[in-house]
């Protein structure tokens, strides 16, 4: 892969900021829509609490697979352009420095994963806050929403990885 030009670090940071904002918004929109759609269809209305928990765990596995694909694409994007779709990933990559490529990969991945995990908090707060505040939303509804949101996030992460790799092929 081509190395990043040392003459364009500001452009890489600007592109990273724009890509992070766009990616965060798009991910949240897709994940929220998927979670709401799964709850609204009532497709899992007759599933037991244990079944809903299995759905949630399975959705995290699928999300991890999508995230793994996107981490690889993000590493390639960083190595080739110096830009990222995730601000903390770019920060970790730059702080690790070009003399430590293995640590650059680890730091970039860690920054990305930490960001994604932090984005989970509002989903849990919203889902369970709604379940506590109203009788029309149950704990199982909240879990189904979270499972759907994870599946939407998985699809988004995988799609972003394909888009990033397609961009890099040009």
N, C-alpha and C. Protein backbone atom coordinates (compact mmCIF):
# COMPACT_ATOMS: atom_id res chain seq x y z
N UNK A 1 0.83 -1.18 0.00
CA UNK A 1 0.00 0.00 0.00
C UNK A 1 0.87 1.24 0.00
N UNK A 2 0.35 2.28 -0.59
CA UNK A 2 1.08 3.52 -0.65
C UNK A 2 1.09 4.19 0.72
N UNK A 3 2.18 4.86 1.00
CA UNK A 3 2.27 5.59 2.26
C UNK A 3 1.55 6.93 2.12
N UNK A 4 1.17 7.48 3.23
CA UNK A 4 0.48 8.77 3.26
C UNK A 4 1.49 9.88 3.01
N UNK A 5 1.14 10.83 2.20
CA UNK A 5 2.02 11.97 1.96
C UNK A 5 2.13 12.80 3.23
N UNK A 6 3.36 13.14 3.64
CA UNK A 6 3.52 13.96 4.85
C UNK A 6 3.08 15.41 4.63
N UNK A 7 2.76 15.77 3.39
CA UNK A 7 2.38 17.14 3.08
C UNK A 7 0.88 17.40 3.18
N UNK A 8 0.10 16.36 3.51
CA UNK A 8 -1.35 16.54 3.54
C UNK A 8 -2.01 16.08 4.84
N UNK A 9 -1.36 16.26 5.98
CA UNK A 9 -1.99 15.78 7.22
C UNK A 9 -3.25 16.57 7.59
N UNK A 10 -3.29 17.85 7.27
CA UNK A 10 -4.49 18.64 7.59
C UNK A 10 -5.69 18.16 6.79
N UNK A 11 -5.45 17.83 5.53
CA UNK A 11 -6.53 17.34 4.69
C UNK A 11 -7.05 16.00 5.23
N UNK A 12 -6.15 15.14 5.65
CA UNK A 12 -6.56 13.84 6.21
C UNK A 12 -7.40 14.04 7.47
N UNK A 13 -7.02 15.00 8.32
CA UNK A 13 -7.80 15.26 9.53
C UNK A 13 -9.16 15.86 9.18
N UNK A 14 -9.19 16.77 8.21
CA UNK A 14 -10.46 17.36 7.80
C UNK A 14 -11.39 16.29 7.22
N UNK A 15 -10.87 15.44 6.36
CA UNK A 15 -11.67 14.36 5.79
C UNK A 15 -12.16 13.40 6.88
N UNK A 16 -11.30 13.15 7.85
CA UNK A 16 -11.68 12.27 8.96
C UNK A 16 -12.83 12.87 9.77
N UNK A 17 -12.75 14.16 10.05
CA UNK A 17 -13.83 14.82 10.80
C UNK A 17 -15.15 14.75 10.04
N UNK A 18 -15.11 15.03 8.76
CA UNK A 18 -16.33 14.99 7.93
C UNK A 18 -16.86 13.55 7.86
N UNK A 19 -15.95 12.60 7.61
CA UNK A 19 -16.37 11.19 7.50
C UNK A 19 -16.91 10.67 8.82
N UNK A 20 -16.32 11.08 9.93
CA UNK A 20 -16.80 10.64 11.24
C UNK A 20 -18.21 11.15 11.50
N UNK A 21 -18.44 12.41 11.21
CA UNK A 21 -19.78 12.98 11.42
C UNK A 21 -20.81 12.28 10.52
N UNK A 22 -20.47 12.13 9.25
CA UNK A 22 -21.41 11.48 8.32
C UNK A 22 -21.65 10.03 8.71
N UNK A 23 -20.59 9.34 9.06
CA UNK A 23 -20.69 7.92 9.41
C UNK A 23 -21.49 7.73 10.70
N UNK A 24 -21.25 8.57 11.68
CA UNK A 24 -21.99 8.47 12.94
C UNK A 24 -23.48 8.68 12.72
N UNK A 25 -23.81 9.70 11.96
CA UNK A 25 -25.21 9.99 11.68
C UNK A 25 -25.86 8.83 10.92
N UNK A 26 -25.18 8.37 9.87
CA UNK A 26 -25.74 7.29 9.04
C UNK A 26 -25.90 6.01 9.84
N UNK A 27 -24.90 5.67 10.63
CA UNK A 27 -24.98 4.45 11.46
C UNK A 27 -26.15 4.54 12.43
N UNK A 28 -26.27 5.66 13.11
CA UNK A 28 -27.37 5.81 14.07
C UNK A 28 -28.73 5.76 13.40
N UNK A 29 -28.84 6.36 12.23
CA UNK A 29 -30.12 6.34 11.50
C UNK A 29 -30.48 4.92 11.08
N UNK A 30 -29.51 4.18 10.53
CA UNK A 30 -29.77 2.81 10.08
C UNK A 30 -30.08 1.90 11.26
N UNK A 31 -29.28 2.00 12.31
CA UNK A 31 -29.46 1.12 13.47
C UNK A 31 -30.80 1.41 14.17
N UNK A 32 -31.11 2.68 14.36
CA UNK A 32 -32.37 3.03 15.02
C UNK A 32 -33.57 2.58 14.18
N UNK A 33 -33.50 2.81 12.88
CA UNK A 33 -34.60 2.38 12.00
C UNK A 33 -34.78 0.87 12.04
N UNK A 34 -33.67 0.13 12.03
CA UNK A 34 -33.76 -1.34 12.07
C UNK A 34 -34.36 -1.80 13.39
N UNK A 35 -33.94 -1.20 14.49
CA UNK A 35 -34.49 -1.57 15.80
C UNK A 35 -35.98 -1.27 15.90
N UNK A 36 -36.36 -0.09 15.46
CA UNK A 36 -37.78 0.28 15.50
C UNK A 36 -38.61 -0.61 14.58
N UNK A 37 -38.07 -0.91 13.41
CA UNK A 37 -38.79 -1.76 12.47
C UNK A 37 -39.02 -3.16 13.05
N UNK A 38 -38.01 -3.70 13.70
CA UNK A 38 -38.15 -5.04 14.27
C UNK A 38 -39.21 -5.06 15.38
N UNK A 39 -39.24 -4.02 16.19
CA UNK A 39 -40.25 -3.94 17.24
C UNK A 39 -41.64 -3.70 16.63
N UNK A 40 -41.71 -2.77 15.69
CA UNK A 40 -43.01 -2.38 15.11
C UNK A 40 -43.68 -3.51 14.35
N UNK A 41 -42.90 -4.39 13.73
CA UNK A 41 -43.51 -5.49 12.98
C UNK A 41 -44.16 -6.51 13.89
N UNK A 42 -43.70 -6.57 15.13
CA UNK A 42 -44.24 -7.55 16.07
C UNK A 42 -43.84 -8.97 15.72
N UNK A 43 -42.88 -9.12 14.83
CA UNK A 43 -42.45 -10.44 14.37
C UNK A 43 -41.97 -11.33 15.52
N UNK A 44 -41.47 -10.72 16.58
CA UNK A 44 -40.96 -11.51 17.71
C UNK A 44 -41.88 -11.41 18.92
N UNK A 45 -43.13 -11.02 18.69
CA UNK A 45 -44.09 -10.82 19.77
C UNK A 45 -44.35 -12.03 20.63
N UNK A 46 -44.30 -13.23 20.07
CA UNK A 46 -44.59 -14.43 20.84
C UNK A 46 -43.36 -15.15 21.36
N UNK A 47 -42.21 -14.56 21.15
CA UNK A 47 -40.96 -15.20 21.57
C UNK A 47 -40.77 -15.02 23.08
N UNK A 48 -40.27 -16.05 23.74
CA UNK A 48 -40.03 -16.00 25.19
C UNK A 48 -38.92 -15.01 25.52
N UNK A 49 -38.81 -14.67 26.78
CA UNK A 49 -37.74 -13.78 27.24
C UNK A 49 -36.37 -14.38 26.91
N UNK A 50 -36.24 -15.68 27.13
CA UNK A 50 -34.96 -16.35 26.81
C UNK A 50 -34.67 -16.25 25.31
N UNK A 51 -35.69 -16.39 24.49
CA UNK A 51 -35.52 -16.26 23.05
C UNK A 51 -35.07 -14.87 22.65
N UNK A 52 -35.63 -13.87 23.31
CA UNK A 52 -35.24 -12.49 23.04
C UNK A 52 -33.78 -12.27 23.44
N UNK A 53 -33.36 -12.86 24.56
CA UNK A 53 -31.97 -12.76 24.97
C UNK A 53 -31.03 -13.43 23.97
N UNK A 54 -31.46 -14.56 23.42
CA UNK A 54 -30.66 -15.24 22.39
C UNK A 54 -30.54 -14.35 21.17
N UNK A 55 -31.65 -13.71 20.78
CA UNK A 55 -31.60 -12.76 19.66
C UNK A 55 -30.58 -11.66 19.93
N UNK A 56 -30.60 -11.11 21.12
CA UNK A 56 -29.68 -10.03 21.45
C UNK A 56 -28.23 -10.49 21.35
N UNK A 57 -27.93 -11.64 21.93
CA UNK A 57 -26.55 -12.16 21.87
C UNK A 57 -26.15 -12.43 20.42
N UNK A 58 -27.04 -13.06 19.67
CA UNK A 58 -26.75 -13.36 18.26
C UNK A 58 -26.53 -12.07 17.47
N UNK A 59 -27.32 -11.03 17.79
CA UNK A 59 -27.16 -9.76 17.07
C UNK A 59 -25.79 -9.13 17.35
N UNK A 60 -25.27 -9.33 18.55
CA UNK A 60 -23.93 -8.82 18.84
C UNK A 60 -22.86 -9.60 18.07
N UNK A 61 -23.07 -10.88 17.88
CA UNK A 61 -22.13 -11.68 17.09
C UNK A 61 -22.12 -11.18 15.65
N UNK A 62 -23.31 -10.97 15.08
CA UNK A 62 -23.41 -10.48 13.70
C UNK A 62 -22.80 -9.08 13.60
N UNK A 63 -23.06 -8.24 14.60
CA UNK A 63 -22.49 -6.90 14.61
C UNK A 63 -20.96 -6.96 14.64
N UNK A 64 -20.40 -7.87 15.44
CA UNK A 64 -18.95 -8.02 15.53
C UNK A 64 -18.36 -8.43 14.18
N UNK A 65 -19.07 -9.27 13.44
CA UNK A 65 -18.60 -9.68 12.12
C UNK A 65 -18.57 -8.48 11.16
N UNK A 66 -19.62 -7.68 11.19
CA UNK A 66 -19.65 -6.48 10.36
C UNK A 66 -18.57 -5.49 10.78
N UNK A 67 -18.39 -5.34 12.08
CA UNK A 67 -17.38 -4.43 12.60
C UNK A 67 -15.98 -4.89 12.19
N UNK A 68 -15.74 -6.19 12.25
CA UNK A 68 -14.43 -6.73 11.86
C UNK A 68 -14.12 -6.39 10.40
N UNK A 69 -15.10 -6.54 9.54
CA UNK A 69 -14.91 -6.19 8.13
C UNK A 69 -14.56 -4.71 7.99
N UNK A 70 -15.26 -3.88 8.74
CA UNK A 70 -15.01 -2.45 8.63
C UNK A 70 -13.68 -2.04 9.25
N UNK A 71 -13.24 -2.73 10.27
CA UNK A 71 -11.93 -2.43 10.85
C UNK A 71 -10.82 -2.66 9.82
N UNK A 72 -10.93 -3.75 9.08
CA UNK A 72 -9.94 -4.02 8.04
C UNK A 72 -9.94 -2.95 6.96
N UNK A 73 -11.12 -2.54 6.53
CA UNK A 73 -11.21 -1.50 5.51
C UNK A 73 -10.67 -0.17 6.05
N UNK A 74 -10.97 0.13 7.30
CA UNK A 74 -10.48 1.36 7.91
C UNK A 74 -8.96 1.36 8.01
N UNK A 75 -8.37 0.22 8.35
CA UNK A 75 -6.90 0.12 8.41
C UNK A 75 -6.29 0.43 7.04
N UNK A 76 -6.89 -0.13 6.01
CA UNK A 76 -6.38 0.12 4.65
C UNK A 76 -6.53 1.60 4.28
N UNK A 77 -7.66 2.18 4.65
CA UNK A 77 -7.89 3.60 4.37
C UNK A 77 -6.85 4.46 5.07
N UNK A 78 -6.58 4.17 6.32
CA UNK A 78 -5.57 4.92 7.07
C UNK A 78 -4.19 4.77 6.45
N UNK A 79 -3.82 3.55 6.12
CA UNK A 79 -2.49 3.30 5.56
C UNK A 79 -2.30 4.00 4.22
N UNK A 80 -3.36 4.05 3.45
CA UNK A 80 -3.24 4.59 2.10
C UNK A 80 -3.44 6.10 2.05
N UNK A 81 -4.36 6.64 2.86
CA UNK A 81 -4.70 8.06 2.75
C UNK A 81 -4.39 8.87 4.00
N UNK A 82 -4.25 8.20 5.13
CA UNK A 82 -4.07 8.91 6.39
C UNK A 82 -5.39 9.37 6.99
N UNK A 83 -6.50 9.13 6.30
CA UNK A 83 -7.83 9.52 6.78
C UNK A 83 -8.55 8.27 7.29
N UNK A 84 -9.62 8.50 8.04
CA UNK A 84 -10.40 7.42 8.62
C UNK A 84 -11.87 7.83 8.65
N UNK A 85 -12.73 6.87 8.86
CA UNK A 85 -14.14 7.17 9.08
C UNK A 85 -14.44 7.31 10.57
N UNK A 86 -13.38 7.32 11.39
CA UNK A 86 -13.54 7.37 12.84
C UNK A 86 -12.42 8.20 13.45
N UNK A 87 -12.78 9.26 14.14
CA UNK A 87 -11.82 10.21 14.70
C UNK A 87 -10.86 9.55 15.70
N UNK A 88 -11.39 8.74 16.63
CA UNK A 88 -10.49 8.10 17.61
C UNK A 88 -9.56 7.08 16.95
N UNK A 89 -10.01 6.46 15.89
CA UNK A 89 -9.16 5.54 15.16
C UNK A 89 -7.98 6.29 14.52
N UNK A 90 -8.26 7.42 13.91
CA UNK A 90 -7.22 8.24 13.31
C UNK A 90 -6.25 8.74 14.37
N UNK A 91 -6.79 9.16 15.49
CA UNK A 91 -5.94 9.66 16.58
C UNK A 91 -4.99 8.56 17.06
N UNK A 92 -5.52 7.36 17.30
CA UNK A 92 -4.69 6.24 17.72
C UNK A 92 -3.63 5.91 16.69
N UNK A 93 -4.02 5.90 15.43
CA UNK A 93 -3.10 5.61 14.33
C UNK A 93 -1.96 6.61 14.32
N UNK A 94 -2.29 7.90 14.41
CA UNK A 94 -1.26 8.94 14.37
C UNK A 94 -0.38 8.94 15.61
N UNK A 95 -0.97 8.70 16.77
CA UNK A 95 -0.17 8.69 18.00
C UNK A 95 0.81 7.52 18.04
N UNK A 96 0.43 6.40 17.47
CA UNK A 96 1.33 5.24 17.46
C UNK A 96 2.54 5.49 16.58
N UNK A 97 2.39 6.29 15.57
CA UNK A 97 3.52 6.67 14.72
C UNK A 97 3.86 5.65 13.65
N UNK A 98 4.44 6.13 12.56
CA UNK A 98 4.73 5.27 11.41
C UNK A 98 5.84 4.24 11.66
N UNK A 99 6.61 4.41 12.71
CA UNK A 99 7.69 3.45 12.98
C UNK A 99 7.20 2.20 13.69
N UNK A 100 5.94 2.21 14.05
CA UNK A 100 5.36 1.05 14.75
C UNK A 100 4.07 0.62 14.05
N UNK A 101 4.19 0.02 12.84
CA UNK A 101 2.97 -0.30 12.09
C UNK A 101 2.02 -1.26 12.82
N UNK A 102 2.57 -2.21 13.56
CA UNK A 102 1.69 -3.12 14.30
C UNK A 102 0.89 -2.36 15.35
N UNK A 103 1.56 -1.45 16.07
CA UNK A 103 0.88 -0.67 17.10
C UNK A 103 -0.08 0.34 16.48
N UNK A 104 0.23 0.81 15.28
CA UNK A 104 -0.71 1.68 14.57
C UNK A 104 -2.03 0.94 14.33
N UNK A 105 -1.92 -0.31 13.88
CA UNK A 105 -3.12 -1.11 13.62
C UNK A 105 -3.90 -1.34 14.91
N UNK A 106 -3.21 -1.70 15.97
CA UNK A 106 -3.86 -1.96 17.25
C UNK A 106 -4.53 -0.68 17.78
N UNK A 107 -3.81 0.42 17.72
CA UNK A 107 -4.35 1.69 18.23
C UNK A 107 -5.53 2.17 17.39
N UNK A 108 -5.44 2.00 16.07
CA UNK A 108 -6.54 2.41 15.19
C UNK A 108 -7.78 1.56 15.47
N UNK A 109 -7.60 0.26 15.59
CA UNK A 109 -8.72 -0.63 15.88
C UNK A 109 -9.32 -0.33 17.25
N UNK A 110 -8.46 -0.11 18.24
CA UNK A 110 -8.96 0.17 19.60
C UNK A 110 -9.77 1.46 19.62
N UNK A 111 -9.29 2.49 18.95
CA UNK A 111 -10.03 3.74 18.89
C UNK A 111 -11.39 3.57 18.24
N UNK A 112 -11.44 2.76 17.19
CA UNK A 112 -12.70 2.52 16.49
C UNK A 112 -13.68 1.76 17.38
N UNK A 113 -13.19 0.70 18.00
CA UNK A 113 -14.06 -0.14 18.84
C UNK A 113 -14.56 0.63 20.06
N UNK A 114 -13.69 1.41 20.69
CA UNK A 114 -14.11 2.21 21.84
C UNK A 114 -15.23 3.17 21.44
N UNK A 115 -15.07 3.81 20.29
CA UNK A 115 -16.11 4.71 19.80
C UNK A 115 -17.44 3.98 19.62
N UNK A 116 -17.38 2.81 19.01
CA UNK A 116 -18.61 2.04 18.76
C UNK A 116 -19.26 1.61 20.07
N UNK A 117 -18.47 1.20 21.03
CA UNK A 117 -19.03 0.80 22.32
C UNK A 117 -19.66 1.99 23.05
N UNK A 118 -19.04 3.15 22.95
CA UNK A 118 -19.61 4.34 23.59
C UNK A 118 -20.93 4.73 22.94
N UNK A 119 -21.07 4.45 21.65
CA UNK A 119 -22.33 4.76 20.96
C UNK A 119 -23.46 3.85 21.41
N UNK A 120 -23.15 2.76 22.09
CA UNK A 120 -24.19 1.84 22.58
C UNK A 120 -24.98 2.43 23.75
N UNK A 121 -24.34 3.26 24.55
CA UNK A 121 -24.97 3.79 25.77
C UNK A 121 -26.31 4.48 25.50
N UNK A 122 -26.40 5.38 24.51
CA UNK A 122 -27.70 6.02 24.28
C UNK A 122 -28.80 5.03 23.87
N UNK A 123 -28.43 3.97 23.19
CA UNK A 123 -29.43 2.97 22.80
C UNK A 123 -30.00 2.28 24.04
N UNK A 124 -29.13 1.89 24.94
CA UNK A 124 -29.59 1.24 26.17
C UNK A 124 -30.39 2.20 27.03
N UNK A 125 -29.90 3.43 27.15
CA UNK A 125 -30.63 4.43 27.95
C UNK A 125 -32.00 4.70 27.35
N UNK A 126 -32.06 4.85 26.05
CA UNK A 126 -33.34 5.13 25.40
C UNK A 126 -34.30 3.96 25.47
N UNK A 127 -33.79 2.76 25.20
CA UNK A 127 -34.66 1.58 25.18
C UNK A 127 -35.21 1.29 26.58
N UNK A 128 -34.33 1.25 27.56
CA UNK A 128 -34.80 0.91 28.90
C UNK A 128 -35.44 2.08 29.61
N UNK A 129 -35.04 3.30 29.27
CA UNK A 129 -35.71 4.48 29.81
C UNK A 129 -37.16 4.53 29.35
N UNK A 130 -37.38 4.18 28.09
CA UNK A 130 -38.75 4.14 27.56
C UNK A 130 -39.55 3.03 28.22
N UNK A 131 -38.92 1.88 28.43
CA UNK A 131 -39.62 0.76 29.07
C UNK A 131 -40.01 1.10 30.51
N UNK A 132 -39.16 1.86 31.19
CA UNK A 132 -39.46 2.26 32.57
C UNK A 132 -40.53 3.36 32.60
N UNK A 133 -40.46 4.26 31.64
CA UNK A 133 -41.34 5.43 31.66
C UNK A 133 -42.76 5.15 31.16
N UNK A 134 -42.94 4.07 30.42
CA UNK A 134 -44.26 3.80 29.87
C UNK A 134 -44.60 2.32 29.98
N UNK A 135 -45.85 2.04 30.14
CA UNK A 135 -46.28 0.65 30.25
C UNK A 135 -46.45 -0.01 28.89
N UNK A 136 -46.47 0.78 27.84
CA UNK A 136 -46.69 0.22 26.50
C UNK A 136 -45.43 -0.41 25.90
N UNK A 137 -44.27 -0.17 26.53
CA UNK A 137 -43.02 -0.77 26.06
C UNK A 137 -42.48 -1.66 27.17
N UNK A 138 -42.31 -2.94 26.84
CA UNK A 138 -41.80 -3.90 27.85
C UNK A 138 -40.28 -4.02 27.76
N UNK A 139 -39.72 -4.70 28.74
CA UNK A 139 -38.28 -4.98 28.71
C UNK A 139 -37.94 -5.81 27.49
N UNK A 140 -38.80 -6.75 27.13
CA UNK A 140 -38.55 -7.56 25.93
C UNK A 140 -38.59 -6.70 24.67
N UNK A 141 -39.50 -5.73 24.62
CA UNK A 141 -39.53 -4.80 23.48
C UNK A 141 -38.21 -4.05 23.39
N UNK A 142 -37.69 -3.63 24.54
CA UNK A 142 -36.42 -2.91 24.56
C UNK A 142 -35.29 -3.80 24.05
N UNK A 143 -35.30 -5.06 24.47
CA UNK A 143 -34.26 -5.99 24.01
C UNK A 143 -34.38 -6.28 22.51
N UNK A 144 -35.61 -6.41 22.03
CA UNK A 144 -35.83 -6.62 20.59
C UNK A 144 -35.33 -5.40 19.82
N UNK A 145 -35.62 -4.21 20.32
CA UNK A 145 -35.12 -2.99 19.68
C UNK A 145 -33.59 -3.02 19.60
N UNK A 146 -32.94 -3.36 20.71
CA UNK A 146 -31.48 -3.41 20.74
C UNK A 146 -30.95 -4.45 19.76
N UNK A 147 -31.59 -5.61 19.70
CA UNK A 147 -31.18 -6.63 18.75
C UNK A 147 -31.31 -6.15 17.32
N UNK A 148 -32.43 -5.52 17.01
CA UNK A 148 -32.63 -4.97 15.67
C UNK A 148 -31.63 -3.88 15.35
N UNK A 149 -31.36 -3.02 16.33
CA UNK A 149 -30.37 -1.96 16.13
C UNK A 149 -28.99 -2.56 15.85
N UNK A 150 -28.65 -3.62 16.56
CA UNK A 150 -27.36 -4.29 16.32
C UNK A 150 -27.30 -4.88 14.92
N UNK A 151 -28.39 -5.48 14.48
CA UNK A 151 -28.42 -6.05 13.13
C UNK A 151 -28.31 -4.94 12.08
N UNK A 152 -28.97 -3.82 12.32
CA UNK A 152 -28.84 -2.68 11.42
C UNK A 152 -27.41 -2.15 11.41
N UNK A 153 -26.81 -2.07 12.59
CA UNK A 153 -25.42 -1.61 12.69
C UNK A 153 -24.48 -2.56 11.98
N UNK A 154 -24.74 -3.86 12.07
CA UNK A 154 -23.91 -4.85 11.38
C UNK A 154 -23.97 -4.64 9.88
N UNK A 155 -25.18 -4.46 9.37
CA UNK A 155 -25.35 -4.23 7.93
C UNK A 155 -24.64 -2.94 7.51
N UNK A 156 -24.76 -1.91 8.34
CA UNK A 156 -24.12 -0.64 8.04
C UNK A 156 -22.59 -0.80 8.02
N UNK A 157 -22.04 -1.44 9.04
CA UNK A 157 -20.58 -1.62 9.13
C UNK A 157 -20.06 -2.39 7.92
N UNK A 158 -20.77 -3.46 7.56
CA UNK A 158 -20.34 -4.25 6.41
C UNK A 158 -20.45 -3.41 5.13
N UNK A 159 -21.54 -2.68 4.98
CA UNK A 159 -21.71 -1.82 3.81
C UNK A 159 -20.64 -0.75 3.72
N UNK A 160 -20.31 -0.14 4.86
CA UNK A 160 -19.26 0.89 4.87
C UNK A 160 -17.91 0.28 4.50
N UNK A 161 -17.66 -0.94 4.95
CA UNK A 161 -16.39 -1.59 4.59
C UNK A 161 -16.31 -1.80 3.08
N UNK A 162 -17.41 -2.24 2.47
CA UNK A 162 -17.44 -2.44 1.01
C UNK A 162 -17.26 -1.12 0.28
N UNK A 163 -17.92 -0.07 0.76
CA UNK A 163 -17.80 1.26 0.15
C UNK A 163 -16.37 1.78 0.25
N UNK A 164 -15.76 1.62 1.42
CA UNK A 164 -14.39 2.07 1.63
C UNK A 164 -13.43 1.32 0.71
N UNK A 165 -13.57 0.01 0.63
CA UNK A 165 -12.69 -0.78 -0.23
C UNK A 165 -12.90 -0.43 -1.71
N UNK A 166 -14.13 -0.15 -2.08
CA UNK A 166 -14.41 0.26 -3.45
C UNK A 166 -13.73 1.60 -3.74
N UNK A 167 -13.80 2.52 -2.80
CA UNK A 167 -13.13 3.81 -2.94
C UNK A 167 -11.63 3.62 -3.10
N UNK A 168 -11.04 2.74 -2.32
CA UNK A 168 -9.60 2.52 -2.39
C UNK A 168 -9.15 1.85 -3.69
N UNK A 169 -10.04 1.08 -4.30
CA UNK A 169 -9.70 0.44 -5.58
C UNK A 169 -9.61 1.43 -6.73
N UNK A 170 -10.23 2.58 -6.59
CA UNK A 170 -10.21 3.58 -7.67
C UNK A 170 -8.91 4.29 -7.77
